[in-house]
């Protein structure tokens, strides 16, 4: 496992793609705050959002909600920018519909 992490530059990928993901989500007006390290991302909304888990699942996304109002993302270390763009599109759509905007 350690050889794969090193050979495929997964640590660098996590840092680069994680920053890209946080930057893109920070521009989304419905988000109160985006925080994280690498690919462990927390997206804070202005209200409880536990119902988003099921709605995201229906959109093909696996998310978790913590602290009642934080959407937690933990994508795989080898996620690509194209995959992240799809994630952002689907997730922002789910959040927008949830918030009724």
PDB file of N, CA and C in Angstrom:
ATOM      1  N   UNK A   1       0.831  -1.193   0.000  1.00  0.00           N
ATOM      2  CA  UNK A   1       0.000   0.000   0.000  1.00  0.00           C
ATOM      3  C   UNK A   1       0.869   1.248   0.000  1.00  0.00           C
ATOM      4  N   UNK A   2       1.885   1.259   0.830  1.00  0.00           N
ATOM      5  CA  UNK A   2       2.756   2.432   0.883  1.00  0.00           C
ATOM      6  C   UNK A   2       3.470   2.672  -0.444  1.00  0.00           C
ATOM      7  N   UNK A   3       3.860   1.584  -1.114  1.00  0.00           N
ATOM      8  CA  UNK A   3       4.504   1.739  -2.432  1.00  0.00           C
ATOM      9  C   UNK A   3       3.551   2.357  -3.440  1.00  0.00           C
ATOM     10  N   UNK A   4       2.287   1.937  -3.429  1.00  0.00           N
ATOM     11  CA  UNK A   4       1.293   2.508  -4.354  1.00  0.00           C
ATOM     12  C   UNK A   4       1.082   3.984  -4.048  1.00  0.00           C
ATOM     13  N   UNK A   5       0.958   4.326  -2.776  1.00  0.00           N
ATOM     14  CA  UNK A   5       0.784   5.730  -2.391  1.00  0.00           C
ATOM     15  C   UNK A   5       1.947   6.564  -2.908  1.00  0.00           C
ATOM     16  N   UNK A   6       3.152   6.037  -2.762  1.00  0.00           N
ATOM     17  CA  UNK A   6       4.328   6.773  -3.222  1.00  0.00           C
ATOM     18  C   UNK A   6       4.435   6.760  -4.747  1.00  0.00           C
ATOM     19  N   UNK A   7       4.302   5.595  -5.365  1.00  0.00           N
ATOM     20  CA  UNK A   7       4.484   5.481  -6.817  1.00  0.00           C
ATOM     21  C   UNK A   7       3.454   6.277  -7.603  1.00  0.00           C
ATOM     22  N   UNK A   8       2.238   6.375  -7.095  1.00  0.00           N
ATOM     23  CA  UNK A   8       1.175   7.093  -7.794  1.00  0.00           C
ATOM     24  C   UNK A   8       1.007   8.538  -7.310  1.00  0.00           C
ATOM     25  N   UNK A   9       1.934   9.005  -6.491  1.00  0.00           N
ATOM     26  CA  UNK A   9       1.926  10.384  -5.981  1.00  0.00           C
ATOM     27  C   UNK A   9       0.582  10.763  -5.363  1.00  0.00           C
ATOM     28  N   UNK A  10       0.018   9.858  -4.576  1.00  0.00           N
ATOM     29  CA  UNK A  10      -1.319  10.086  -4.026  1.00  0.00           C
ATOM     30  C   UNK A  10      -1.357  11.175  -2.961  1.00  0.00           C
ATOM     31  N   UNK A  11      -0.279  11.371  -2.244  1.00  0.00           N
ATOM     32  CA  UNK A  11      -0.246  12.452  -1.248  1.00  0.00           C
ATOM     33  C   UNK A  11      -0.298  13.801  -1.960  1.00  0.00           C
ATOM     34  N   UNK A  12       0.489  13.949  -3.007  1.00  0.00           N
ATOM     35  CA  UNK A  12       0.485  15.191  -3.777  1.00  0.00           C
ATOM     36  C   UNK A  12      -0.871  15.405  -4.443  1.00  0.00           C
ATOM     37  N   UNK A  13      -1.456  14.327  -4.965  1.00  0.00           N
ATOM     38  CA  UNK A  13      -2.773  14.423  -5.595  1.00  0.00           C
ATOM     39  C   UNK A  13      -3.818  14.882  -4.584  1.00  0.00           C
ATOM     40  N   UNK A  14      -3.762  14.329  -3.379  1.00  0.00           N
ATOM     41  CA  UNK A  14      -4.729  14.713  -2.342  1.00  0.00           C
ATOM     42  C   UNK A  14      -4.613  16.196  -2.017  1.00  0.00           C
ATOM     43  N   UNK A  15      -3.403  16.695  -1.908  1.00  0.00           N
ATOM     44  CA  UNK A  15      -3.205  18.114  -1.598  1.00  0.00           C
ATOM     45  C   UNK A  15      -3.709  19.002  -2.741  1.00  0.00           C
ATOM     46  N   UNK A  16      -3.335  18.659  -3.965  1.00  0.00           N
ATOM     47  CA  UNK A  16      -3.706  19.472  -5.130  1.00  0.00           C
ATOM     48  C   UNK A  16      -5.210  19.434  -5.389  1.00  0.00           C
ATOM     49  N   UNK A  17      -5.771  18.249  -5.465  1.00  0.00           N
ATOM     50  CA  UNK A  17      -7.188  18.109  -5.771  1.00  0.00           C
ATOM     51  C   UNK A  17      -8.035  18.594  -4.600  1.00  0.00           C
ATOM     52  N   UNK A  18      -7.576  18.363  -3.373  1.00  0.00           N
ATOM     53  CA  UNK A  18      -8.307  18.850  -2.203  1.00  0.00           C
ATOM     54  C   UNK A  18      -8.408  20.366  -2.190  1.00  0.00           C
ATOM     55  N   UNK A  19      -7.315  21.034  -2.521  1.00  0.00           N
ATOM     56  CA  UNK A  19      -7.343  22.500  -2.572  1.00  0.00           C
ATOM     57  C   UNK A  19      -8.267  22.985  -3.679  1.00  0.00           C
ATOM     58  N   UNK A  20      -8.215  22.334  -4.827  1.00  0.00           N
ATOM     59  CA  UNK A  20      -9.107  22.677  -5.939  1.00  0.00           C
ATOM     60  C   UNK A  20     -10.564  22.516  -5.509  1.00  0.00           C
ATOM     61  N   UNK A  21     -10.880  21.413  -4.860  1.00  0.00           N
ATOM     62  CA  UNK A  21     -12.239  21.155  -4.405  1.00  0.00           C
ATOM     63  C   UNK A  21     -12.693  22.219  -3.411  1.00  0.00           C
ATOM     64  N   UNK A  22     -11.851  22.549  -2.450  1.00  0.00           N
ATOM     65  CA  UNK A  22     -12.216  23.581  -1.469  1.00  0.00           C
ATOM     66  C   UNK A  22     -12.389  24.943  -2.133  1.00  0.00           C
ATOM     67  N   UNK A  23     -11.516  25.272  -3.066  1.00  0.00           N
ATOM     68  CA  UNK A  23     -11.623  26.557  -3.776  1.00  0.00           C
ATOM     69  C   UNK A  23     -12.937  26.654  -4.547  1.00  0.00           C
ATOM     70  N   UNK A  24     -13.286  25.591  -5.253  1.00  0.00           N
ATOM     71  CA  UNK A  24     -14.515  25.594  -6.040  1.00  0.00           C
ATOM     72  C   UNK A  24     -15.750  25.675  -5.148  1.00  0.00           C
ATOM     73  N   UNK A  25     -15.780  24.913  -4.068  1.00  0.00           N
ATOM     74  CA  UNK A  25     -16.939  24.919  -3.175  1.00  0.00           C
ATOM     75  C   UNK A  25     -17.072  26.238  -2.417  1.00  0.00           C
ATOM     76  N   UNK A  26     -15.958  26.909  -2.155  1.00  0.00           N
ATOM     77  CA  UNK A  26     -15.990  28.195  -1.455  1.00  0.00           C
ATOM     78  C   UNK A  26     -16.706  29.267  -2.268  1.00  0.00           C
ATOM     79  N   UNK A  27     -16.761  29.098  -3.576  1.00  0.00           N
ATOM     80  CA  UNK A  27     -17.427  30.066  -4.448  1.00  0.00           C
ATOM     81  C   UNK A  27     -18.940  29.864  -4.483  1.00  0.00           C
ATOM     82  N   UNK A  28     -19.417  28.763  -3.954  1.00  0.00           N
ATOM     83  CA  UNK A  28     -20.840  28.426  -3.954  1.00  0.00           C
ATOM     84  C   UNK A  28     -21.520  29.220  -2.846  1.00  0.00           C
ATOM     85  N   UNK A  29     -22.454  30.088  -3.199  1.00  0.00           N
ATOM     86  CA  UNK A  29     -23.042  31.041  -2.256  1.00  0.00           C
ATOM     87  C   UNK A  29     -23.808  30.383  -1.107  1.00  0.00           C
ATOM     88  N   UNK A  30     -24.282  29.170  -1.281  1.00  0.00           N
ATOM     89  CA  UNK A  30     -25.061  28.509  -0.227  1.00  0.00           C
ATOM     90  C   UNK A  30     -24.184  27.976   0.899  1.00  0.00           C
ATOM     91  N   UNK A  31     -22.868  28.012   0.719  1.00  0.00           N
ATOM     92  CA  UNK A  31     -21.939  27.445   1.691  1.00  0.00           C
ATOM     93  C   UNK A  31     -21.479  28.526   2.663  1.00  0.00           C
ATOM     94  N   UNK A  32     -21.596  28.215   3.947  1.00  0.00           N
ATOM     95  CA  UNK A  32     -21.163  29.137   4.993  1.00  0.00           C
ATOM     96  C   UNK A  32     -19.638  29.117   5.137  1.00  0.00           C
ATOM     97  N   UNK A  33     -19.055  27.901   5.134  1.00  0.00           N
ATOM     98  CA  UNK A  33     -17.602  27.757   5.265  1.00  0.00           C
ATOM     99  C   UNK A  33     -17.177  26.420   4.689  1.00  0.00           C
ATOM    100  N   UNK A  34     -15.990  26.392   4.091  1.00  0.00           N
ATOM    101  CA  UNK A  34     -15.373  25.151   3.630  1.00  0.00           C
ATOM    102  C   UNK A  34     -14.036  25.038   4.332  1.00  0.00           C
ATOM    103  N   UNK A  35     -13.797  23.870   4.920  1.00  0.00           N
ATOM    104  CA  UNK A  35     -12.528  23.651   5.606  1.00  0.00           C
ATOM    105  C   UNK A  35     -12.077  22.219   5.357  1.00  0.00           C
ATOM    106  N   UNK A  36     -10.800  21.994   5.522  1.00  0.00           N
ATOM    107  CA  UNK A  36     -10.316  20.645   5.339  1.00  0.00           C
ATOM    108  C   UNK A  36      -8.819  20.573   5.231  1.00  0.00           C
ATOM    109  N   UNK A  37      -8.364  19.358   5.033  1.00  0.00           N
ATOM    110  CA  UNK A  37      -6.947  19.089   4.829  1.00  0.00           C
ATOM    111  C   UNK A  37      -6.869  17.955   3.825  1.00  0.00           C
ATOM    112  N   UNK A  38      -6.137  18.180   2.749  1.00  0.00           N
ATOM    113  CA  UNK A  38      -6.082  17.175   1.707  1.00  0.00           C
ATOM    114  C   UNK A  38      -7.479  16.952   1.149  1.00  0.00           C
ATOM    115  N   UNK A  39      -7.899  15.699   1.122  1.00  0.00           N
ATOM    116  CA  UNK A  39      -9.218  15.375   0.581  1.00  0.00           C
ATOM    117  C   UNK A  39     -10.275  15.172   1.663  1.00  0.00           C
ATOM    118  N   UNK A  40      -9.953  15.456   2.911  1.00  0.00           N
ATOM    119  CA  UNK A  40     -10.961  15.409   3.968  1.00  0.00           C
ATOM    120  C   UNK A  40     -11.547  16.815   4.079  1.00  0.00           C
ATOM    121  N   UNK A  41     -12.779  16.973   3.556  1.00  0.00           N
ATOM    122  CA  UNK A  41     -13.388  18.287   3.384  1.00  0.00           C
ATOM    123  C   UNK A  41     -14.670  18.383   4.207  1.00  0.00           C
ATOM    124  N   UNK A  42     -14.844  19.526   4.885  1.00  0.00           N
ATOM    125  CA  UNK A  42     -16.088  19.826   5.580  1.00  0.00           C
ATOM    126  C   UNK A  42     -16.732  21.053   4.960  1.00  0.00           C
ATOM    127  N   UNK A  43     -18.022  20.944   4.640  1.00  0.00           N
ATOM    128  CA  UNK A  43     -18.766  22.041   4.017  1.00  0.00           C
ATOM    129  C   UNK A  43     -19.867  22.428   4.991  1.00  0.00           C
ATOM    130  N   UNK A  44     -19.720  23.571   5.631  1.00  0.00           N
ATOM    131  CA  UNK A  44     -20.715  23.993   6.618  1.00  0.00           C
ATOM    132  C   UNK A  44     -21.838  24.773   5.954  1.00  0.00           C
ATOM    133  N   UNK A  45     -23.057  24.352   6.252  1.00  0.00           N
ATOM    134  CA  UNK A  45     -24.242  25.062   5.766  1.00  0.00           C
ATOM    135  C   UNK A  45     -24.849  25.835   6.924  1.00  0.00           C
ATOM    136  N   UNK A  46     -25.826  26.679   6.640  1.00  0.00           N
ATOM    137  CA  UNK A  46     -26.408  27.535   7.666  1.00  0.00           C
ATOM    138  C   UNK A  46     -27.559  26.883   8.420  1.00  0.00           C
ATOM    139  N   UNK A  47     -27.781  25.595   8.221  1.00  0.00           N
ATOM    140  CA  UNK A  47     -28.889  24.898   8.885  1.00  0.00           C
ATOM    141  C   UNK A  47     -28.593  23.404   8.973  1.00  0.00           C
ATOM    142  N   UNK A  48     -29.336  22.698   9.806  1.00  0.00           N
ATOM    143  CA  UNK A  48     -29.183  21.241   9.871  1.00  0.00           C
ATOM    144  C   UNK A  48     -29.439  20.625   8.492  1.00  0.00           C
ATOM    145  N   UNK A  49     -28.619  19.639   8.141  1.00  0.00           N
ATOM    146  CA  UNK A  49     -28.718  19.107   6.782  1.00  0.00           C
ATOM    147  C   UNK A  49     -28.598  17.591   6.715  1.00  0.00           C
ATOM    148  N   UNK A  50     -29.010  16.901   7.757  1.00  0.00           N
ATOM    149  CA  UNK A  50     -28.945  15.444   7.772  1.00  0.00           C
ATOM    150  C   UNK A  50     -29.691  14.787   6.625  1.00  0.00           C
ATOM    151  N   UNK A  51     -30.763  15.416   6.151  1.00  0.00           N
ATOM    152  CA  UNK A  51     -31.537  14.862   5.042  1.00  0.00           C
ATOM    153  C   UNK A  51     -30.752  14.836   3.726  1.00  0.00           C
ATOM    154  N   UNK A  52     -29.658  15.581   3.663  1.00  0.00           N
ATOM    155  CA  UNK A  52     -28.855  15.593   2.440  1.00  0.00           C
ATOM    156  C   UNK A  52     -28.223  14.239   2.146  1.00  0.00           C
ATOM    157  N   UNK A  53     -28.004  13.414   3.163  1.00  0.00           N
ATOM    158  CA  UNK A  53     -27.348  12.125   2.954  1.00  0.00           C
ATOM    159  C   UNK A  53     -28.146  11.287   1.957  1.00  0.00           C
ATOM    160  N   UNK A  54     -29.440  11.165   2.167  1.00  0.00           N
ATOM    161  CA  UNK A  54     -30.292  10.391   1.262  1.00  0.00           C
ATOM    162  C   UNK A  54     -30.420  11.037  -0.100  1.00  0.00           C
ATOM    163  N   UNK A  55     -30.539  12.348  -0.121  1.00  0.00           N
ATOM    164  CA  UNK A  55     -30.671  13.054  -1.399  1.00  0.00           C
ATOM    165  C   UNK A  55     -29.394  12.931  -2.217  1.00  0.00           C
ATOM    166  N   UNK A  56     -28.257  13.012  -1.547  1.00  0.00           N
ATOM    167  CA  UNK A  56     -26.977  12.858  -2.245  1.00  0.00           C
ATOM    168  C   UNK A  56     -26.823  11.429  -2.771  1.00  0.00           C
ATOM    169  N   UNK A  57     -27.237  10.446  -1.972  1.00  0.00           N
ATOM    170  CA  UNK A  57     -27.169   9.051  -2.405  1.00  0.00           C
ATOM    171  C   UNK A  57     -27.988   8.856  -3.683  1.00  0.00           C
ATOM    172  N   UNK A  58     -29.176   9.478  -3.727  1.00  0.00           N
ATOM    173  CA  UNK A  58     -30.011   9.387  -4.922  1.00  0.00           C
ATOM    174  C   UNK A  58     -29.336  10.018  -6.143  1.00  0.00           C
ATOM    175  N   UNK A  59     -28.433  10.971  -5.901  1.00  0.00           N
ATOM    176  CA  UNK A  59     -27.698  11.623  -6.989  1.00  0.00           C
ATOM    177  C   UNK A  59     -26.367  10.919  -7.283  1.00  0.00           C
ATOM    178  N   UNK A  60     -26.146   9.770  -6.640  1.00  0.00           N
ATOM    179  CA  UNK A  60     -24.931   9.008  -6.901  1.00  0.00           C
ATOM    180  C   UNK A  60     -23.738   9.423  -6.075  1.00  0.00           C
ATOM    181  N   UNK A  61     -23.975  10.133  -4.966  1.00  0.00           N
ATOM    182  CA  UNK A  61     -22.888  10.597  -4.105  1.00  0.00           C
ATOM    183  C   UNK A  61     -22.983   9.950  -2.734  1.00  0.00           C
ATOM    184  N   UNK A  62     -21.848   9.668  -2.142  1.00  0.00           N
ATOM    185  CA  UNK A  62     -21.798   9.142  -0.792  1.00  0.00           C
ATOM    186  C   UNK A  62     -21.180  10.219   0.097  1.00  0.00           C
ATOM    187  N   UNK A  63     -22.009  10.805   0.960  1.00  0.00           N
ATOM    188  CA  UNK A  63     -21.545  11.860   1.868  1.00  0.00           C
ATOM    189  C   UNK A  63     -21.929  11.491   3.285  1.00  0.00           C
ATOM    190  N   UNK A  64     -21.460  12.294   4.212  1.00  0.00           N
ATOM    191  CA  UNK A  64     -21.786  12.147   5.618  1.00  0.00           C
ATOM    192  C   UNK A  64     -22.090  13.544   6.137  1.00  0.00           C
ATOM    193  N   UNK A  65     -22.971  13.645   7.112  1.00  0.00           N
ATOM    194  CA  UNK A  65     -23.237  14.937   7.754  1.00  0.00           C
ATOM    195  C   UNK A  65     -22.830  14.812   9.215  1.00  0.00           C
ATOM    196  N   UNK A  66     -22.022  15.752   9.669  1.00  0.00           N
ATOM    197  CA  UNK A  66     -21.566  15.774  11.052  1.00  0.00           C
ATOM    198  C   UNK A  66     -21.929  17.113  11.672  1.00  0.00           C
ATOM    199  N   UNK A  67     -21.908  17.155  12.980  1.00  0.00           N
ATOM    200  CA  UNK A  67     -22.187  18.391  13.726  1.00  0.00           C
ATOM    201  C   UNK A  67     -23.479  19.052  13.245  1.00  0.00           C
ATOM    202  N   UNK A  68     -24.394  18.258  12.735  1.00  0.00           N
ATOM    203  CA  UNK A  68     -25.730  18.681  12.334  1.00  0.00           C
ATOM    204  C   UNK A  68     -25.785  19.512  11.052  1.00  0.00           C
ATOM    205  N   UNK A  69     -24.719  20.254  10.745  1.00  0.00           N
ATOM    206  CA  UNK A  69     -24.796  21.144   9.579  1.00  0.00           C
ATOM    207  C   UNK A  69     -23.540  21.126   8.710  1.00  0.00           C
ATOM    208  N   UNK A  70     -22.703  20.103   8.868  1.00  0.00           N
ATOM    209  CA  UNK A  70     -21.466  20.027   8.086  1.00  0.00           C
ATOM    210  C   UNK A  70     -21.492  18.788   7.198  1.00  0.00           C
ATOM    211  N   UNK A  71     -21.426  19.017   5.901  1.00  0.00           N
ATOM    212  CA  UNK A  71     -21.331  17.927   4.934  1.00  0.00           C
ATOM    213  C   UNK A  71     -19.863  17.525   4.869  1.00  0.00           C
ATOM    214  N   UNK A  72     -19.608  16.242   5.126  1.00  0.00           N
ATOM    215  CA  UNK A  72     -18.228  15.759   5.116  1.00  0.00           C
ATOM    216  C   UNK A  72     -17.994  14.928   3.867  1.00  0.00           C
ATOM    217  N   UNK A  73     -16.904  15.249   3.176  1.00  0.00           N
ATOM    218  CA  UNK A  73     -16.490  14.507   1.981  1.00  0.00           C
ATOM    219  C   UNK A  73     -15.163  13.815   2.270  1.00  0.00           C
ATOM    220  N   UNK A  74     -15.064  12.564   1.875  1.00  0.00           N
ATOM    221  CA  UNK A  74     -13.827  11.795   2.026  1.00  0.00           C
ATOM    222  C   UNK A  74     -13.580  10.986   0.750  1.00  0.00           C
ATOM    223  N   UNK A  75     -13.308  11.655  -0.363  1.00  0.00           N
ATOM    224  CA  UNK A  75     -13.097  10.914  -1.609  1.00  0.00           C
ATOM    225  C   UNK A  75     -11.786  10.129  -1.569  1.00  0.00           C
ATOM    226  N   UNK A  76     -11.656   9.194  -2.501  1.00  0.00           N
ATOM    227  CA  UNK A  76     -10.452   8.371  -2.568  1.00  0.00           C
ATOM    228  C   UNK A  76      -9.240   9.224  -2.946  1.00  0.00           C
ATOM    229  N   UNK A  77      -8.079   8.760  -2.542  1.00  0.00           N
ATOM    230  CA  UNK A  77      -6.851   9.511  -2.793  1.00  0.00           C
ATOM    231  C   UNK A  77      -6.504   9.639  -4.271  1.00  0.00           C
ATOM    232  N   UNK A  78      -7.052   8.764  -5.101  1.00  0.00           N
ATOM    233  CA  UNK A  78      -6.719   8.817  -6.526  1.00  0.00           C
ATOM    234  C   UNK A  78      -7.798   9.506  -7.360  1.00  0.00           C
ATOM    235  N   UNK A  79      -8.664  10.275  -6.735  1.00  0.00           N
ATOM    236  CA  UNK A  79      -9.714  10.992  -7.465  1.00  0.00           C
ATOM    237  C   UNK A  79      -9.069  11.991  -8.438  1.00  0.00           C
ATOM    238  N   UNK A  80      -9.702  12.140  -9.588  1.00  0.00           N
ATOM    239  CA  UNK A  80      -9.179  13.054 -10.609  1.00  0.00           C
ATOM    240  C   UNK A  80      -9.943  14.376 -10.581  1.00  0.00           C
ATOM    241  N   UNK A  81      -9.396  15.374 -11.253  1.00  0.00           N
ATOM    242  CA  UNK A  81     -10.078  16.659 -11.332  1.00  0.00           C
ATOM    243  C   UNK A  81     -11.404  16.517 -12.069  1.00  0.00           C
ATOM    244  N   UNK A  82     -11.469  15.673 -13.087  1.00  0.00           N
ATOM    245  CA  UNK A  82     -12.726  15.443 -13.803  1.00  0.00           C
ATOM    246  C   UNK A  82     -13.776  14.848 -12.862  1.00  0.00           C
ATOM    247  N   UNK A  83     -13.352  13.907 -12.012  1.00  0.00           N
ATOM    248  CA  UNK A  83     -14.273  13.334 -11.031  1.00  0.00           C
ATOM    249  C   UNK A  83     -14.743  14.393 -10.044  1.00  0.00           C
ATOM    250  N   UNK A  84     -13.846  15.268  -9.636  1.00  0.00           N
ATOM    251  CA  UNK A  84     -14.200  16.340  -8.699  1.00  0.00           C
ATOM    252  C   UNK A  84     -15.170  17.314  -9.348  1.00  0.00           C
ATOM    253  N   UNK A  85     -14.976  17.616 -10.615  1.00  0.00           N
ATOM    254  CA  UNK A  85     -15.908  18.505 -11.311  1.00  0.00           C
ATOM    255  C   UNK A  85     -17.316  17.905 -11.328  1.00  0.00           C
ATOM    256  N   UNK A  86     -17.409  16.593 -11.545  1.00  0.00           N
ATOM    257  CA  UNK A  86     -18.707  15.917 -11.494  1.00  0.00           C
ATOM    258  C   UNK A  86     -19.279  15.971 -10.088  1.00  0.00           C
ATOM    259  N   UNK A  87     -18.438  15.721  -9.098  1.00  0.00           N
ATOM    260  CA  UNK A  87     -18.860  15.800  -7.697  1.00  0.00           C
ATOM    261  C   UNK A  87     -19.413  17.178  -7.369  1.00  0.00           C
ATOM    262  N   UNK A  88     -18.709  18.220  -7.752  1.00  0.00           N
ATOM    263  CA  UNK A  88     -19.143  19.585  -7.471  1.00  0.00           C
ATOM    264  C   UNK A  88     -20.490  19.872  -8.127  1.00  0.00           C
ATOM    265  N   UNK A  89     -20.624  19.484  -9.375  1.00  0.00           N
ATOM    266  CA  UNK A  89     -21.878  19.719 -10.100  1.00  0.00           C
ATOM    267  C   UNK A  89     -23.053  19.029  -9.396  1.00  0.00           C
ATOM    268  N   UNK A  90     -22.867  17.769  -9.061  1.00  0.00           N
ATOM    269  CA  UNK A  90     -23.957  17.026  -8.416  1.00  0.00           C
ATOM    270  C   UNK A  90     -24.239  17.534  -7.006  1.00  0.00           C
ATOM    271  N   UNK A  91     -23.176  17.779  -6.249  1.00  0.00           N
ATOM    272  CA  UNK A  91     -23.358  18.201  -4.859  1.00  0.00           C
ATOM    273  C   UNK A  91     -23.990  19.583  -4.770  1.00  0.00           C
ATOM    274  N   UNK A  92     -23.543  20.524  -5.595  1.00  0.00           N
ATOM    275  CA  UNK A  92     -24.145  21.856  -5.537  1.00  0.00           C
ATOM    276  C   UNK A  92     -25.610  21.815  -5.953  1.00  0.00           C
ATOM    277  N   UNK A  93     -25.943  20.935  -6.881  1.00  0.00           N
ATOM    278  CA  UNK A  93     -27.343  20.772  -7.278  1.00  0.00           C
ATOM    279  C   UNK A  93     -28.172  20.228  -6.114  1.00  0.00           C
ATOM    280  N   UNK A  94     -27.651  19.209  -5.427  1.00  0.00           N
ATOM    281  CA  UNK A  94     -28.356  18.622  -4.283  1.00  0.00           C
ATOM    282  C   UNK A  94     -28.533  19.651  -3.169  1.00  0.00           C
ATOM    283  N   UNK A  95     -27.481  20.391  -2.872  1.00  0.00           N
ATOM    284  CA  UNK A  95     -27.560  21.407  -1.810  1.00  0.00           C
ATOM    285  C   UNK A  95     -28.531  22.516  -2.193  1.00  0.00           C
ATOM    286  N   UNK A  96     -28.479  22.962  -3.435  1.00  0.00           N
ATOM    287  CA  UNK A  96     -29.381  24.013  -3.899  1.00  0.00           C
ATOM    288  C   UNK A  96     -30.833  23.589  -3.749  1.00  0.00           C
ATOM    289  N   UNK A  97     -31.147  22.368  -4.177  1.00  0.00           N
ATOM    290  CA  UNK A  97     -32.511  21.869  -4.054  1.00  0.00           C
ATOM    291  C   UNK A  97     -32.911  21.724  -2.578  1.00  0.00           C
ATOM    292  N   UNK A  98     -31.981  21.267  -1.743  1.00  0.00           N
ATOM    293  CA  UNK A  98     -32.259  21.106  -0.315  1.00  0.00           C
ATOM    294  C   UNK A  98     -32.588  22.449   0.330  1.00  0.00           C
ATOM    295  N   UNK A  99     -31.833  23.465  -0.033  1.00  0.00           N
ATOM    296  CA  UNK A  99     -32.037  24.789   0.573  1.00  0.00           C
ATOM    297  C   UNK A  99     -33.201  25.538  -0.064  1.00  0.00           C
ATOM    298  N   UNK A 100     -33.723  25.023  -1.164  1.00  0.00           N
ATOM    299  CA  UNK A 100     -34.841  25.669  -1.818  1.00  0.00           C
ATOM    300  C   UNK A 100     -34.482  26.932  -2.545  1.00  0.00           C
ATOM    301  N   UNK A 101     -33.266  26.986  -3.063  1.00  0.00           N
ATOM    302  CA  UNK A 101     -32.810  28.190  -3.770  1.00  0.00           C
ATOM    303  C   UNK A 101     -32.831  27.955  -5.245  1.00  0.00           C
TER     304      UNK A 101
END
